[in-house]
Amino acid sequence: MLQVRTHFARPNWGEVFTKVASKHPNTTVGVFYCGMPVLAKELKKLSYEMSHKTSTRFEFHKEYF
């Protein structure tokens, strides 16, 4: 049986970015996204904000297929 935690609602992206920043200080984290523009805008904004609030640098990349 796969031991993966399942979330049945939209993630709290601010919390996700905060946890990643706390686990990976002073590093660069790539954020890759392919999908609806509304979420892309939110993730891009969070990447920018968290890069300025923490020592972790988030680089946002939107993919087009």
N, C-alpha and C. Protein backbone atom coordinates (compact mmCIF):
# COMPACT_ATOMS: atom_id res chain seq x y z
N MET A 1 0.83 -1.17 0.00
CA MET A 1 0.00 0.00 0.00
C MET A 1 0.88 1.24 0.00
N LEU A 2 0.52 2.20 -0.82
CA LEU A 2 1.28 3.43 -0.94
C LEU A 2 1.04 4.32 0.28
N GLN A 3 2.10 4.78 0.89
CA GLN A 3 2.01 5.60 2.09
C GLN A 3 2.13 7.08 1.74
N VAL A 4 1.15 7.60 1.02
CA VAL A 4 1.15 9.00 0.62
C VAL A 4 -0.06 9.69 1.22
N ARG A 5 0.16 10.86 1.76
CA ARG A 5 -0.92 11.64 2.35
C ARG A 5 -1.74 12.29 1.25
N THR A 6 -3.05 12.16 1.31
CA THR A 6 -3.93 12.72 0.30
C THR A 6 -4.68 13.91 0.86
N HIS A 7 -4.72 14.98 0.08
CA HIS A 7 -5.47 16.18 0.45
C HIS A 7 -6.63 16.31 -0.52
N PHE A 8 -7.84 16.48 0.00
CA PHE A 8 -9.02 16.54 -0.83
C PHE A 8 -9.53 17.95 -1.09
N ALA A 9 -8.77 18.93 -0.79
CA ALA A 9 -9.17 20.32 -1.02
C ALA A 9 -8.00 21.05 -1.66
N ARG A 10 -8.24 22.28 -2.04
CA ARG A 10 -7.17 23.09 -2.61
C ARG A 10 -6.10 23.34 -1.56
N PRO A 11 -4.83 23.16 -1.91
CA PRO A 11 -3.77 23.37 -0.93
C PRO A 11 -3.69 24.83 -0.48
N ASN A 12 -3.25 25.01 0.73
CA ASN A 12 -2.95 26.35 1.23
C ASN A 12 -1.53 26.66 0.74
N TRP A 13 -1.43 27.32 -0.41
CA TRP A 13 -0.13 27.52 -1.04
C TRP A 13 0.82 28.34 -0.18
N GLY A 14 0.30 29.29 0.57
CA GLY A 14 1.16 30.06 1.46
C GLY A 14 1.84 29.17 2.48
N GLU A 15 1.09 28.22 3.01
CA GLU A 15 1.64 27.26 3.97
C GLU A 15 2.66 26.34 3.30
N VAL A 16 2.37 25.91 2.09
CA VAL A 16 3.30 25.04 1.34
C VAL A 16 4.63 25.76 1.12
N PHE A 17 4.57 27.01 0.64
CA PHE A 17 5.79 27.76 0.39
C PHE A 17 6.56 28.01 1.70
N THR A 18 5.84 28.31 2.77
CA THR A 18 6.49 28.55 4.07
C THR A 18 7.23 27.30 4.54
N LYS A 19 6.61 26.15 4.41
CA LYS A 19 7.25 24.89 4.83
C LYS A 19 8.49 24.59 3.98
N VAL A 20 8.38 24.79 2.68
CA VAL A 20 9.53 24.55 1.80
C VAL A 20 10.66 25.51 2.16
N ALA A 21 10.34 26.77 2.39
CA ALA A 21 11.37 27.75 2.76
C ALA A 21 12.06 27.38 4.07
N SER A 22 11.28 26.90 5.03
CA SER A 22 11.89 26.55 6.32
C SER A 22 12.78 25.31 6.22
N LYS A 23 12.46 24.41 5.30
CA LYS A 23 13.25 23.19 5.14
C LYS A 23 14.46 23.38 4.23
N HIS A 24 14.43 24.45 3.42
CA HIS A 24 15.51 24.68 2.46
C HIS A 24 15.98 26.14 2.50
N PRO A 25 16.51 26.59 3.64
CA PRO A 25 16.98 27.98 3.72
C PRO A 25 18.21 28.20 2.83
N ASN A 26 18.35 29.43 2.36
CA ASN A 26 19.52 29.83 1.58
C ASN A 26 19.73 29.00 0.31
N THR A 27 18.63 28.54 -0.29
CA THR A 27 18.71 27.78 -1.53
C THR A 27 17.76 28.38 -2.56
N THR A 28 17.85 27.89 -3.77
CA THR A 28 16.93 28.28 -4.83
C THR A 28 16.02 27.11 -5.12
N VAL A 29 14.71 27.37 -5.15
CA VAL A 29 13.70 26.34 -5.39
C VAL A 29 12.95 26.70 -6.67
N GLY A 30 12.91 25.78 -7.61
CA GLY A 30 12.17 25.99 -8.84
C GLY A 30 10.71 25.63 -8.65
N VAL A 31 9.83 26.52 -9.09
CA VAL A 31 8.38 26.28 -9.04
C VAL A 31 7.91 26.16 -10.48
N PHE A 32 7.52 24.97 -10.89
CA PHE A 32 7.08 24.72 -12.26
C PHE A 32 5.59 24.47 -12.28
N TYR A 33 4.90 25.11 -13.23
CA TYR A 33 3.45 25.00 -13.28
C TYR A 33 2.96 24.94 -14.73
N CYS A 34 1.97 24.11 -14.97
CA CYS A 34 1.30 24.04 -16.25
C CYS A 34 -0.19 23.89 -15.96
N GLY A 35 -0.97 24.86 -16.33
CA GLY A 35 -2.40 24.78 -16.05
C GLY A 35 -3.08 26.12 -16.21
N MET A 36 -4.17 26.27 -15.50
CA MET A 36 -5.01 27.46 -15.60
C MET A 36 -4.25 28.73 -15.19
N PRO A 37 -4.45 29.83 -15.94
CA PRO A 37 -3.75 31.09 -15.65
C PRO A 37 -4.03 31.67 -14.26
N VAL A 38 -5.20 31.43 -13.71
CA VAL A 38 -5.53 31.99 -12.39
C VAL A 38 -4.57 31.47 -11.33
N LEU A 39 -4.33 30.17 -11.32
CA LEU A 39 -3.41 29.60 -10.34
C LEU A 39 -1.97 30.00 -10.65
N ALA A 40 -1.63 30.12 -11.92
CA ALA A 40 -0.28 30.54 -12.30
C ALA A 40 0.02 31.91 -11.70
N LYS A 41 -0.95 32.80 -11.76
CA LYS A 41 -0.78 34.15 -11.22
C LYS A 41 -0.54 34.09 -9.71
N GLU A 42 -1.31 33.26 -9.01
CA GLU A 42 -1.15 33.13 -7.56
C GLU A 42 0.22 32.55 -7.20
N LEU A 43 0.64 31.51 -7.90
CA LEU A 43 1.92 30.88 -7.59
C LEU A 43 3.10 31.80 -7.92
N LYS A 44 2.97 32.55 -9.00
CA LYS A 44 4.03 33.50 -9.36
C LYS A 44 4.15 34.58 -8.29
N LYS A 45 3.01 35.09 -7.83
CA LYS A 45 3.01 36.11 -6.79
C LYS A 45 3.62 35.58 -5.50
N LEU A 46 3.23 34.36 -5.10
CA LEU A 46 3.79 33.76 -3.88
C LEU A 46 5.29 33.52 -4.02
N SER A 47 5.72 33.10 -5.19
CA SER A 47 7.15 32.88 -5.42
C SER A 47 7.93 34.17 -5.19
N TYR A 48 7.40 35.27 -5.73
CA TYR A 48 8.04 36.58 -5.58
C TYR A 48 8.04 37.01 -4.10
N GLU A 49 6.86 36.94 -3.46
CA GLU A 49 6.75 37.39 -2.07
C GLU A 49 7.63 36.58 -1.13
N MET A 50 7.60 35.26 -1.27
CA MET A 50 8.37 34.42 -0.36
C MET A 50 9.87 34.55 -0.60
N SER A 51 10.26 34.91 -1.82
CA SER A 51 11.68 35.14 -2.11
C SER A 51 12.19 36.38 -1.38
N HIS A 52 11.29 37.30 -1.08
CA HIS A 52 11.68 38.52 -0.37
C HIS A 52 11.48 38.43 1.14
N LYS A 53 10.65 37.49 1.58
CA LYS A 53 10.39 37.34 3.02
C LYS A 53 11.29 36.32 3.69
N THR A 54 11.89 35.43 2.90
CA THR A 54 12.71 34.36 3.45
C THR A 54 14.08 34.36 2.78
N SER A 55 14.96 33.51 3.25
CA SER A 55 16.28 33.38 2.62
C SER A 55 16.24 32.43 1.43
N THR A 56 15.10 31.79 1.20
CA THR A 56 14.94 30.88 0.07
C THR A 56 14.48 31.67 -1.14
N ARG A 57 15.09 31.40 -2.27
CA ARG A 57 14.70 32.07 -3.51
C ARG A 57 13.82 31.12 -4.32
N PHE A 58 12.61 31.56 -4.64
CA PHE A 58 11.68 30.76 -5.43
C PHE A 58 11.66 31.30 -6.86
N GLU A 59 11.96 30.44 -7.83
CA GLU A 59 11.94 30.83 -9.24
C GLU A 59 10.73 30.18 -9.91
N PHE A 60 9.82 31.00 -10.38
CA PHE A 60 8.58 30.51 -10.99
C PHE A 60 8.77 30.32 -12.50
N HIS A 61 8.31 29.19 -13.00
CA HIS A 61 8.37 28.87 -14.43
C HIS A 61 7.02 28.30 -14.86
N LYS A 62 6.41 28.92 -15.85
CA LYS A 62 5.15 28.41 -16.38
C LYS A 62 5.43 27.64 -17.65
N GLU A 63 4.91 26.44 -17.72
CA GLU A 63 5.08 25.59 -18.90
C GLU A 63 3.86 25.71 -19.79
N TYR A 64 4.06 25.62 -21.08
CA TYR A 64 2.95 25.65 -22.04
C TYR A 64 3.02 24.37 -22.88
N PHE A 65 1.93 23.65 -22.95
CA PHE A 65 1.88 22.44 -23.78
C PHE A 65 0.75 22.54 -24.77
